Amino acid sequence: SLRLSCAASGRTFSGYAMGWFRQAPGKEREFVADISW
């Protein structure tokens, strides 16, 4: 197991979804998960 974290700054994030994507070697970036505000 691993837990990834993403710290955001620079604006108010109220109302904005956030998500995780991943890109493997030789592959296009793909959607993994997202979450509403």
Full PDB file with SEQRES, HELIX, SHEET, SSBOND, CRYST1, ORIGX, SCALE, CONECT and MASTER records, all heavy atoms in Angstrom:
SEQRES   1 A   37  SER LEU ARG LEU SER CYS ALA ALA SER GLY ARG THR PHE          
SEQRES   2 A   37  SER GLY TYR ALA MET GLY TRP PHE ARG GLN ALA PRO GLY          
SEQRES   3 A   37  LYS GLU ARG GLU PHE VAL ALA ASP ILE SER TRP                  
SHEET    1 AA1 2 MET A  18  ARG A  22  0                                        
SHEET    2 AA1 2 GLU A  30  ILE A  35 -1                                        
CRYST1    1.000    1.000    1.000  90.00  90.00  90.00 P 1           1          
ORIGX1      1.000000  0.000000  0.000000        0.00000                         
ORIGX2      0.000000  1.000000  0.000000        0.00000                         
ORIGX3      0.000000  0.000000  1.000000        0.00000                         
SCALE1      1.000000  0.000000  0.000000        0.00000                         
SCALE2      0.000000  1.000000  0.000000        0.00000                         
SCALE3      0.000000  0.000000  1.000000        0.00000                         
ATOM      1  N   SER A   1       0.824  -1.208   0.000  1.00  0.00           N  
ATOM      2  CA  SER A   1       0.000   0.000   0.000  1.00  0.00           C  
ATOM      3  C   SER A   1       0.854   1.252   0.000  1.00  0.00           C  
ATOM      4  O   SER A   1       1.979   1.261   0.506  1.00  0.00           O  
ATOM      5  CB  SER A   1      -0.901   0.032   1.240  1.00  0.00           C  
ATOM      6  OG  SER A   1      -1.804  -1.055   1.266  1.00  0.00           O  
ATOM      7  N   LEU A   2       0.302   2.302  -0.555  1.00  0.00           N  
ATOM      8  CA  LEU A   2       0.875   3.636  -0.499  1.00  0.00           C  
ATOM      9  C   LEU A   2      -0.258   4.637  -0.363  1.00  0.00           C  
ATOM     10  O   LEU A   2      -1.370   4.384  -0.819  1.00  0.00           O  
ATOM     11  CB  LEU A   2       1.666   3.976  -1.761  1.00  0.00           C  
ATOM     12  CG  LEU A   2       3.025   3.330  -1.984  1.00  0.00           C  
ATOM     13  CD1 LEU A   2       3.522   3.666  -3.392  1.00  0.00           C  
ATOM     14  CD2 LEU A   2       4.026   3.807  -0.943  1.00  0.00           C  
ATOM     15  N   ARG A   3       0.033   5.775   0.244  1.00  0.00           N  
ATOM     16  CA  ARG A   3      -0.905   6.879   0.261  1.00  0.00           C  
ATOM     17  C   ARG A   3      -0.257   8.098  -0.361  1.00  0.00           C  
ATOM     18  O   ARG A   3       0.753   8.599   0.145  1.00  0.00           O  
ATOM     19  CB  ARG A   3      -1.383   7.219   1.672  1.00  0.00           C  
ATOM     20  CG  ARG A   3      -2.557   8.209   1.652  1.00  0.00           C  
ATOM     21  CD  ARG A   3      -3.092   8.539   3.021  1.00  0.00           C  
ATOM     22  NE  ARG A   3      -2.277   9.522   3.716  1.00  0.00           N  
ATOM     23  CZ  ARG A   3      -2.746  10.362   4.637  1.00  0.00           C  
ATOM     24  NH1 ARG A   3      -4.028  10.319   4.982  1.00  0.00           N  
ATOM     25  NH2 ARG A   3      -1.926  11.206   5.227  1.00  0.00           N  
ATOM     26  N   LEU A   4      -0.833   8.567  -1.446  1.00  0.00           N  
ATOM     27  CA  LEU A   4      -0.355   9.762  -2.109  1.00  0.00           C  
ATOM     28  C   LEU A   4      -1.075  10.983  -1.560  1.00  0.00           C  
ATOM     29  O   LEU A   4      -2.257  10.924  -1.237  1.00  0.00           O  
ATOM     30  CB  LEU A   4      -0.590   9.679  -3.619  1.00  0.00           C  
ATOM     31  CG  LEU A   4      -0.032   8.451  -4.341  1.00  0.00           C  
ATOM     32  CD1 LEU A   4      -0.288   8.576  -5.840  1.00  0.00           C  
ATOM     33  CD2 LEU A   4       1.450   8.270  -4.054  1.00  0.00           C  
ATOM     34  N   SER A   5      -0.355  12.088  -1.489  1.00  0.00           N  
ATOM     35  CA  SER A   5      -0.928  13.348  -1.060  1.00  0.00           C  
ATOM     36  C   SER A   5      -0.661  14.409  -2.112  1.00  0.00           C  
ATOM     37  O   SER A   5       0.352  14.367  -2.813  1.00  0.00           O  
ATOM     38  CB  SER A   5      -0.320  13.802   0.273  1.00  0.00           C  
ATOM     39  OG  SER A   5      -0.573  12.876   1.302  1.00  0.00           O  
ATOM     40  N   CYS A   6      -1.560  15.361  -2.214  1.00  0.00           N  
ATOM     41  CA  CYS A   6      -1.389  16.488  -3.118  1.00  0.00           C  
ATOM     42  C   CYS A   6      -1.813  17.748  -2.393  1.00  0.00           C  
ATOM     43  O   CYS A   6      -2.990  17.913  -2.060  1.00  0.00           O  
ATOM     44  CB  CYS A   6      -2.218  16.292  -4.382  1.00  0.00           C  
ATOM     45  SG  CYS A   6      -2.226  17.709  -5.499  1.00  0.00           S  
ATOM     46  N   ALA A   7      -0.861  18.615  -2.148  1.00  0.00           N  
ATOM     47  CA  ALA A   7      -1.118  19.877  -1.478  1.00  0.00           C  
ATOM     48  C   ALA A   7      -1.304  20.974  -2.518  1.00  0.00           C  
ATOM     49  O   ALA A   7      -0.439  21.180  -3.372  1.00  0.00           O  
ATOM     50  CB  ALA A   7       0.033  20.222  -0.538  1.00  0.00           C  
ATOM     51  N   ALA A   8      -2.421  21.672  -2.432  1.00  0.00           N  
ATOM     52  CA  ALA A   8      -2.763  22.709  -3.400  1.00  0.00           C  
ATOM     53  C   ALA A   8      -2.679  24.091  -2.773  1.00  0.00           C  
ATOM     54  O   ALA A   8      -2.988  24.279  -1.593  1.00  0.00           O  
ATOM     55  CB  ALA A   8      -4.168  22.470  -3.942  1.00  0.00           C  
ATOM     56  N   SER A   9      -2.281  25.056  -3.568  1.00  0.00           N  
ATOM     57  CA  SER A   9      -2.202  26.431  -3.098  1.00  0.00           C  
ATOM     58  C   SER A   9      -2.401  27.383  -4.273  1.00  0.00           C  
ATOM     59  O   SER A   9      -2.352  26.975  -5.431  1.00  0.00           O  
ATOM     60  CB  SER A   9      -0.859  26.705  -2.416  1.00  0.00           C  
ATOM     61  OG  SER A   9       0.218  26.533  -3.320  1.00  0.00           O  
ATOM     62  N   GLY A  10      -2.626  28.646  -3.978  1.00  0.00           N  
ATOM     63  CA  GLY A  10      -2.680  29.672  -5.003  1.00  0.00           C  
ATOM     64  C   GLY A  10      -4.049  30.230  -5.325  1.00  0.00           C  
ATOM     65  O   GLY A  10      -4.155  31.224  -6.040  1.00  0.00           O  
ATOM     66  N   ARG A  11      -5.092  29.611  -4.819  1.00  0.00           N  
ATOM     67  CA  ARG A  11      -6.443  30.103  -5.032  1.00  0.00           C  
ATOM     68  C   ARG A  11      -7.376  29.451  -4.031  1.00  0.00           C  
ATOM     69  O   ARG A  11      -6.989  28.507  -3.334  1.00  0.00           O  
ATOM     70  CB  ARG A  11      -6.935  29.824  -6.454  1.00  0.00           C  
ATOM     71  CG  ARG A  11      -7.287  28.365  -6.677  1.00  0.00           C  
ATOM     72  CD  ARG A  11      -7.978  28.113  -8.005  1.00  0.00           C  
ATOM     73  NE  ARG A  11      -8.448  26.742  -8.078  1.00  0.00           N  
ATOM     74  CZ  ARG A  11      -8.874  26.136  -9.175  1.00  0.00           C  
ATOM     75  NH1 ARG A  11      -8.893  26.804 -10.329  1.00  0.00           N  
ATOM     76  NH2 ARG A  11      -9.293  24.874  -9.134  1.00  0.00           N  
ATOM     77  N   THR A  12      -8.604  29.917  -4.001  1.00  0.00           N  
ATOM     78  CA  THR A  12      -9.649  29.239  -3.256  1.00  0.00           C  
ATOM     79  C   THR A  12     -10.141  28.061  -4.080  1.00  0.00           C  
ATOM     80  O   THR A  12     -10.440  28.205  -5.267  1.00  0.00           O  
ATOM     81  CB  THR A  12     -10.806  30.189  -2.952  1.00  0.00           C  
ATOM     82  OG1 THR A  12     -10.348  31.255  -2.130  1.00  0.00           O  
ATOM     83  CG2 THR A  12     -11.935  29.455  -2.244  1.00  0.00           C  
ATOM     84  N   PHE A  13     -10.214  26.901  -3.462  1.00  0.00           N  
ATOM     85  CA  PHE A  13     -10.594  25.693  -4.178  1.00  0.00           C  
ATOM     86  C   PHE A  13     -12.048  25.300  -3.948  1.00  0.00           C  
ATOM     87  O   PHE A  13     -12.476  24.226  -4.396  1.00  0.00           O  
ATOM     88  CB  PHE A  13      -9.654  24.547  -3.802  1.00  0.00           C  
ATOM     89  CG  PHE A  13      -8.275  24.748  -4.334  1.00  0.00           C  
ATOM     90  CD1 PHE A  13      -7.323  25.430  -3.587  1.00  0.00           C  
ATOM     91  CD2 PHE A  13      -7.935  24.288  -5.590  1.00  0.00           C  
ATOM     92  CE1 PHE A  13      -6.052  25.644  -4.091  1.00  0.00           C  
ATOM     93  CE2 PHE A  13      -6.668  24.497  -6.101  1.00  0.00           C  
ATOM     94  CZ  PHE A  13      -5.730  25.183  -5.354  1.00  0.00           C  
ATOM     95  N   SER A  14     -12.795  26.154  -3.307  1.00  0.00           N  
ATOM     96  CA  SER A  14     -14.200  25.885  -3.062  1.00  0.00           C  
ATOM     97  C   SER A  14     -14.940  25.628  -4.365  1.00  0.00           C  
ATOM     98  O   SER A  14     -14.878  26.425  -5.302  1.00  0.00           O  
ATOM     99  CB  SER A  14     -14.836  27.061  -2.322  1.00  0.00           C  
ATOM    100  OG  SER A  14     -16.210  26.831  -2.100  1.00  0.00           O  
ATOM    101  N   GLY A  15     -15.655  24.502  -4.419  1.00  0.00           N  
ATOM    102  CA  GLY A  15     -16.471  24.166  -5.573  1.00  0.00           C  
ATOM    103  C   GLY A  15     -15.763  23.415  -6.685  1.00  0.00           C  
ATOM    104  O   GLY A  15     -16.410  22.995  -7.639  1.00  0.00           O  
ATOM    105  N   TYR A  16     -14.465  23.235  -6.566  1.00  0.00           N  
ATOM    106  CA  TYR A  16     -13.696  22.597  -7.634  1.00  0.00           C  
ATOM    107  C   TYR A  16     -13.408  21.142  -7.327  1.00  0.00           C  
ATOM    108  O   TYR A  16     -12.960  20.799  -6.230  1.00  0.00           O  
ATOM    109  CB  TYR A  16     -12.375  23.322  -7.845  1.00  0.00           C  
ATOM    110  CG  TYR A  16     -12.518  24.713  -8.410  1.00  0.00           C  
ATOM    111  CD1 TYR A  16     -12.623  25.810  -7.569  1.00  0.00           C  
ATOM    112  CD2 TYR A  16     -12.552  24.918  -9.784  1.00  0.00           C  
ATOM    113  CE1 TYR A  16     -12.762  27.093  -8.083  1.00  0.00           C  
ATOM    114  CE2 TYR A  16     -12.685  26.193 -10.306  1.00  0.00           C  
ATOM    115  CZ  TYR A  16     -12.785  27.277  -9.457  1.00  0.00           C  
ATOM    116  OH  TYR A  16     -12.914  28.541  -9.972  1.00  0.00           O  
ATOM    117  N   ALA A  17     -13.623  20.313  -8.325  1.00  0.00           N  
ATOM    118  CA  ALA A  17     -13.225  18.921  -8.208  1.00  0.00           C  
ATOM    119  C   ALA A  17     -11.709  18.790  -8.289  1.00  0.00           C  
ATOM    120  O   ALA A  17     -11.024  19.627  -8.878  1.00  0.00           O  
ATOM    121  CB  ALA A  17     -13.871  18.096  -9.318  1.00  0.00           C  
ATOM    122  N   MET A  18     -11.209  17.721  -7.706  1.00  0.00           N  
ATOM    123  CA  MET A  18      -9.804  17.381  -7.837  1.00  0.00           C  
ATOM    124  C   MET A  18      -9.699  15.918  -8.221  1.00  0.00           C  
ATOM    125  O   MET A  18     -10.585  15.123  -7.909  1.00  0.00           O  
ATOM    126  CB  MET A  18      -9.037  17.650  -6.546  1.00  0.00           C  
ATOM    127  CG  MET A  18      -9.020  19.116  -6.162  1.00  0.00           C  
ATOM    128  SD  MET A  18      -7.921  19.501  -4.772  1.00  0.00           S  
ATOM    129  CE  MET A  18      -6.317  19.284  -5.570  1.00  0.00           C  
ATOM    130  N   GLY A  19      -8.622  15.589  -8.888  1.00  0.00           N  
ATOM    131  CA  GLY A  19      -8.490  14.231  -9.366  1.00  0.00           C  
ATOM    132  C   GLY A  19      -7.060  13.742  -9.403  1.00  0.00           C  
ATOM    133  O   GLY A  19      -6.112  14.511  -9.215  1.00  0.00           O  
ATOM    134  N   TRP A  20      -6.939  12.450  -9.623  1.00  0.00           N  
ATOM    135  CA  TRP A  20      -5.657  11.791  -9.813  1.00  0.00           C  
ATOM    136  C   TRP A  20      -5.625  11.125 -11.177  1.00  0.00           C  
ATOM    137  O   TRP A  20      -6.602  10.487 -11.588  1.00  0.00           O  
ATOM    138  CB  TRP A  20      -5.407  10.733  -8.739  1.00  0.00           C  
ATOM    139  CG  TRP A  20      -5.109  11.288  -7.386  1.00  0.00           C  
ATOM    140  CD1 TRP A  20      -5.986  11.502  -6.369  1.00  0.00           C  
ATOM    141  CD2 TRP A  20      -3.820  11.701  -6.907  1.00  0.00           C  
ATOM    142  NE1 TRP A  20      -5.328  12.022  -5.277  1.00  0.00           N  
ATOM    143  CE2 TRP A  20      -4.000  12.148  -5.583  1.00  0.00           C  
ATOM    144  CE3 TRP A  20      -2.542  11.728  -7.468  1.00  0.00           C  
ATOM    145  CZ2 TRP A  20      -2.940  12.628  -4.807  1.00  0.00           C  
ATOM    146  CZ3 TRP A  20      -1.500  12.205  -6.691  1.00  0.00           C  
ATOM    147  CH2 TRP A  20      -1.706  12.641  -5.378  1.00  0.00           C  
ATOM    148  N   PHE A  21      -4.504  11.270 -11.848  1.00  0.00           N  
ATOM    149  CA  PHE A  21      -4.243  10.643 -13.134  1.00  0.00           C  
ATOM    150  C   PHE A  21      -2.903   9.937 -13.051  1.00  0.00           C  
ATOM    151  O   PHE A  21      -2.106  10.206 -12.156  1.00  0.00           O  
ATOM    152  CB  PHE A  21      -4.223  11.689 -14.251  1.00  0.00           C  
ATOM    153  CG  PHE A  21      -5.537  12.379 -14.476  1.00  0.00           C  
ATOM    154  CD1 PHE A  21      -6.010  13.326 -13.575  1.00  0.00           C  
ATOM    155  CD2 PHE A  21      -6.310  12.084 -15.590  1.00  0.00           C  
ATOM    156  CE1 PHE A  21      -7.219  13.962 -13.779  1.00  0.00           C  
ATOM    157  CE2 PHE A  21      -7.521  12.718 -15.810  1.00  0.00           C  
ATOM    158  CZ  PHE A  21      -7.973  13.656 -14.897  1.00  0.00           C  
ATOM    159  N   ARG A  22      -2.650   9.051 -13.989  1.00  0.00           N  
ATOM    160  CA  ARG A  22      -1.358   8.379 -14.008  1.00  0.00           C  
ATOM    161  C   ARG A  22      -0.909   8.152 -15.438  1.00  0.00           C  
ATOM    162  O   ARG A  22      -1.713   8.083 -16.363  1.00  0.00           O  
ATOM    163  CB  ARG A  22      -1.404   7.056 -13.238  1.00  0.00           C  
ATOM    164  CG  ARG A  22      -2.305   5.995 -13.849  1.00  0.00           C  
ATOM    165  CD  ARG A  22      -2.411   4.795 -12.922  1.00  0.00           C  
ATOM    166  NE  ARG A  22      -3.242   3.748 -13.486  1.00  0.00           N  
ATOM    167  CZ  ARG A  22      -3.599   2.647 -12.844  1.00  0.00           C  
ATOM    168  NH1 ARG A  22      -3.194   2.449 -11.585  1.00  0.00           N  
ATOM    169  NH2 ARG A  22      -4.361   1.739 -13.448  1.00  0.00           N  
ATOM    170  N   GLN A  23       0.403   8.029 -15.596  1.00  0.00           N  
ATOM    171  CA  GLN A  23       0.978   7.784 -16.904  1.00  0.00           C  
ATOM    172  C   GLN A  23       2.111   6.780 -16.769  1.00  0.00           C  
ATOM    173  O   GLN A  23       3.101   7.038 -16.088  1.00  0.00           O  
ATOM    174  CB  GLN A  23       1.489   9.079 -17.531  1.00  0.00           C  
ATOM    175  CG  GLN A  23       1.953   8.912 -18.967  1.00  0.00           C  
ATOM    176  CD  GLN A  23       2.185  10.243 -19.656  1.00  0.00           C  
ATOM    177  OE1 GLN A  23       2.416  11.262 -19.006  1.00  0.00           O  
ATOM    178  NE2 GLN A  23       2.117  10.241 -20.974  1.00  0.00           N  
ATOM    179  N   ALA A  24       1.939   5.642 -17.408  1.00  0.00           N  
ATOM    180  CA  ALA A  24       2.958   4.607 -17.438  1.00  0.00           C  
ATOM    181  C   ALA A  24       3.856   4.818 -18.650  1.00  0.00           C  
ATOM    182  O   ALA A  24       3.451   5.459 -19.629  1.00  0.00           O  
ATOM    183  CB  ALA A  24       2.309   3.230 -17.489  1.00  0.00           C  
ATOM    184  N   PRO A  25       5.071   4.281 -18.623  1.00  0.00           N  
ATOM    185  CA  PRO A  25       5.974   4.438 -19.774  1.00  0.00           C  
ATOM    186  C   PRO A  25       5.340   3.948 -21.064  1.00  0.00           C  
ATOM    187  O   PRO A  25       4.786   2.844 -21.120  1.00  0.00           O  
ATOM    188  CB  PRO A  25       7.176   3.581 -19.387  1.00  0.00           C  
ATOM    189  CG  PRO A  25       7.167   3.577 -17.894  1.00  0.00           C  
ATOM    190  CD  PRO A  25       5.705   3.553 -17.524  1.00  0.00           C  
ATOM    191  N   GLY A  26       5.401   4.771 -22.093  1.00  0.00           N  
ATOM    192  CA  GLY A  26       4.857   4.409 -23.384  1.00  0.00           C  
ATOM    193  C   GLY A  26       3.349   4.478 -23.491  1.00  0.00           C  
ATOM    194  O   GLY A  26       2.793   4.110 -24.535  1.00  0.00           O  
ATOM    195  N   LYS A  27       2.685   4.940 -22.451  1.00  0.00           N  
ATOM    196  CA  LYS A  27       1.232   5.011 -22.431  1.00  0.00           C  
ATOM    197  C   LYS A  27       0.761   6.453 -22.294  1.00  0.00           C  
ATOM    198  O   LYS A  27       1.496   7.324 -21.844  1.00  0.00           O  
ATOM    199  CB  LYS A  27       0.662   4.184 -21.274  1.00  0.00           C  
ATOM    200  CG  LYS A  27       1.066   2.727 -21.274  1.00  0.00           C  
ATOM    201  CD  LYS A  27       0.434   1.980 -22.428  1.00  0.00           C  
ATOM    202  CE  LYS A  27       0.742   0.493 -22.334  1.00  0.00           C  
ATOM    203  NZ  LYS A  27       0.121  -0.263 -23.450  1.00  0.00           N  
ATOM    204  N   GLU A  28      -0.472   6.685 -22.698  1.00  0.00           N  
ATOM    205  CA  GLU A  28      -1.072   7.997 -22.501  1.00  0.00           C  
ATOM    206  C   GLU A  28      -1.505   8.159 -21.051  1.00  0.00           C  
ATOM    207  O   GLU A  28      -1.752   7.185 -20.339  1.00  0.00           O  
ATOM    208  CB  GLU A  28      -2.276   8.177 -23.427  1.00  0.00           C  
ATOM    209  CG  GLU A  28      -1.934   8.195 -24.893  1.00  0.00           C  
ATOM    210  CD  GLU A  28      -3.132   8.476 -25.770  1.00  0.00           C  
ATOM    211  OE1 GLU A  28      -4.257   8.563 -25.244  1.00  0.00           O  
ATOM    212  OE2 GLU A  28      -2.944   8.616 -26.987  1.00  0.00           O  
ATOM    213  N   ARG A  29      -1.595   9.403 -20.633  1.00  0.00           N  
ATOM    214  CA  ARG A  29      -2.089   9.676 -19.300  1.00  0.00           C  
ATOM    215  C   ARG A  29      -3.545   9.231 -19.188  1.00  0.00           C  
ATOM    216  O   ARG A  29      -4.353   9.477 -20.083  1.00  0.00           O  
ATOM    217  CB  ARG A  29      -1.959  11.165 -18.995  1.00  0.00           C  
ATOM    218  CG  ARG A  29      -2.280  11.534 -17.561  1.00  0.00           C  
ATOM    219  CD  ARG A  29      -1.958  13.000 -17.279  1.00  0.00           C  
ATOM    220  NE  ARG A  29      -0.540  13.278 -17.451  1.00  0.00           N  
ATOM    221  CZ  ARG A  29       0.023  14.449 -17.204  1.00  0.00           C  
ATOM    222  NH1 ARG A  29      -0.703  15.462 -16.761  1.00  0.00           N  
ATOM    223  NH2 ARG A  29       1.326  14.616 -17.408  1.00  0.00           N  
ATOM    224  N   GLU A  30      -3.871   8.571 -18.090  1.00  0.00           N  
ATOM    225  CA  GLU A  30      -5.221   8.073 -17.896  1.00  0.00           C  
ATOM    226  C   GLU A  30      -5.804   8.550 -16.574  1.00  0.00           C  
ATOM    227  O   GLU A  30      -5.095   8.775 -15.594  1.00  0.00           O  
ATOM    228  CB  GLU A  30      -5.259   6.538 -17.957  1.00  0.00           C  
ATOM    229  CG  GLU A  30      -4.541   5.848 -16.810  1.00  0.00           C  
ATOM    230  CD  GLU A  30      -4.780   4.350 -16.776  1.00  0.00           C  
ATOM    231  OE1 GLU A  30      -5.737   3.868 -17.416  1.00  0.00           O  
ATOM    232  OE2 GLU A  30      -3.998   3.652 -16.098  1.00  0.00           O  
ATOM    233  N   PHE A  31      -7.103   8.651 -16.567  1.00  0.00           N  
ATOM    234  CA  PHE A  31      -7.839   9.009 -15.371  1.00  0.00           C  
ATOM    235  C   PHE A  31      -7.791   7.876 -14.364  1.00  0.00           C  
ATOM    236  O   PHE A  31      -7.918   6.701 -14.722  1.00  0.00           O  
ATOM    237  CB  PHE A  31      -9.291   9.310 -15.750  1.00  0.00           C  
ATOM    238  CG  PHE A  31     -10.220   9.437 -14.588  1.00  0.00           C  
ATOM    239  CD1 PHE A  31     -10.286  10.602 -13.857  1.00  0.00           C  
ATOM    240  CD2 PHE A  31     -11.035   8.375 -14.232  1.00  0.00           C  
ATOM    241  CE1 PHE A  31     -11.148  10.725 -12.788  1.00  0.00           C  
ATOM    242  CE2 PHE A  31     -11.899   8.487 -13.168  1.00  0.00           C  
ATOM    243  CZ  PHE A  31     -11.956   9.661 -12.442  1.00  0.00           C  
ATOM    244  N   VAL A  32      -7.624   8.222 -13.098  1.00  0.00           N  
ATOM    245  CA  VAL A  32      -7.643   7.237 -12.023  1.00  0.00           C  
ATOM    246  C   VAL A  32      -8.853   7.442 -11.116  1.00  0.00           C  
ATOM    247  O   VAL A  32      -9.642   6.525 -10.897  1.00  0.00           O  
ATOM    248  CB  VAL A  32      -6.354   7.286 -11.187  1.00  0.00           C  
ATOM    249  CG1 VAL A  32      -6.434   6.302 -10.023  1.00  0.00           C  
ATOM    250  CG2 VAL A  32      -5.142   6.975 -12.055  1.00  0.00           C  
ATOM    251  N   ALA A  33      -8.997   8.642 -10.574  1.00  0.00           N  
ATOM    252  CA  ALA A  33     -10.076   8.926  -9.634  1.00  0.00           C  
ATOM    253  C   ALA A  33     -10.262  10.424  -9.512  1.00  0.00           C  
ATOM    254  O   ALA A  33      -9.328  11.195  -9.736  1.00  0.00           O  
ATOM    255  CB  ALA A  33      -9.771   8.334  -8.257  1.00  0.00           C  
ATOM    256  N   ASP A  34     -11.462  10.847  -9.158  1.00  0.00           N  
ATOM    257  CA  ASP A  34     -11.654  12.239  -8.777  1.00  0.00           C  
ATOM    258  C   ASP A  34     -12.746  12.360  -7.734  1.00  0.00           C  
ATOM    259  O   ASP A  34     -13.452  11.398  -7.431  1.00  0.00           O  
ATOM    260  CB  ASP A  34     -11.869  13.171  -9.970  1.00  0.00           C  
ATOM    261  CG  ASP A  34     -13.103  12.879 -10.806  1.00  0.00           C  
ATOM    262  OD1 ASP A  34     -13.925  12.016 -10.427  1.00  0.00           O  
ATOM    263  OD2 ASP A  34     -13.245  13.527 -11.866  1.00  0.00           O  
ATOM    264  N   ILE A  35     -12.858  13.568  -7.195  1.00  0.00           N  
ATOM    265  CA  ILE A  35     -13.723  13.792  -6.054  1.00  0.00           C  
ATOM    266  C   ILE A  35     -14.285  15.203  -6.109  1.00  0.00           C  
ATOM    267  O   ILE A  35     -13.587  16.152  -6.460  1.00  0.00           O  
ATOM    268  CB  ILE A  35     -12.946  13.538  -4.739  1.00  0.00           C  
ATOM    269  CG1 ILE A  35     -13.859  13.646  -3.510  1.00  0.00           C  
ATOM    270  CG2 ILE A  35     -11.746  14.479  -4.628  1.00  0.00           C  
ATOM    271  CD1 ILE A  35     -13.202  13.113  -2.241  1.00  0.00           C  
ATOM    272  N   SER A  36     -15.551  15.338  -5.772  1.00  0.00           N  
ATOM    273  CA  SER A  36     -16.193  16.643  -5.746  1.00  0.00           C  
ATOM    274  C   SER A  36     -15.729  17.452  -4.546  1.00  0.00           C  
ATOM    275  O   SER A  36     -15.094  16.935  -3.628  1.00  0.00           O  
ATOM    276  CB  SER A  36     -17.712  16.478  -5.705  1.00  0.00           C  
ATOM    277  OG  SER A  36     -18.117  15.866  -4.486  1.00  0.00           O  
ATOM    278  N   TRP A  37     -16.068  18.728  -4.546  1.00  0.00           N  
ATOM    279  CA  TRP A  37     -15.690  19.614  -3.449  1.00  0.00           C  
ATOM    280  C   TRP A  37     -16.161  19.073  -2.102  1.00  0.00           C  
ATOM    281  O   TRP A  37     -15.406  19.089  -1.125  1.00  0.00           O  
ATOM    282  CB  TRP A  37     -16.243  21.010  -3.676  1.00  0.00           C  
ATOM    283  CG  TRP A  37     -16.228  21.881  -2.456  1.00  0.00           C  
ATOM    284  CD1 TRP A  37     -17.290  22.261  -1.704  1.00  0.00           C  
ATOM    285  CD2 TRP A  37     -15.075  22.476  -1.852  1.00  0.00           C  
ATOM    286  NE1 TRP A  37     -16.892  23.063  -0.663  1.00  0.00           N  
ATOM    287  CE2 TRP A  37     -15.524  23.214  -0.728  1.00  0.00           C  
ATOM    288  CE3 TRP A  37     -13.714  22.463  -2.148  1.00  0.00           C  
ATOM    289  CZ2 TRP A  37     -14.666  23.926   0.100  1.00  0.00           C  
ATOM    290  CZ3 TRP A  37     -12.849  23.168  -1.320  1.00  0.00           C  
ATOM    291  CH2 TRP A  37     -13.321  23.888  -0.218  1.00  0.00           C  
TER     292      TRP A  37                                                      
MASTER        0    0    0    0    2    0    0    6  291    1    0    3          
END                                                                             
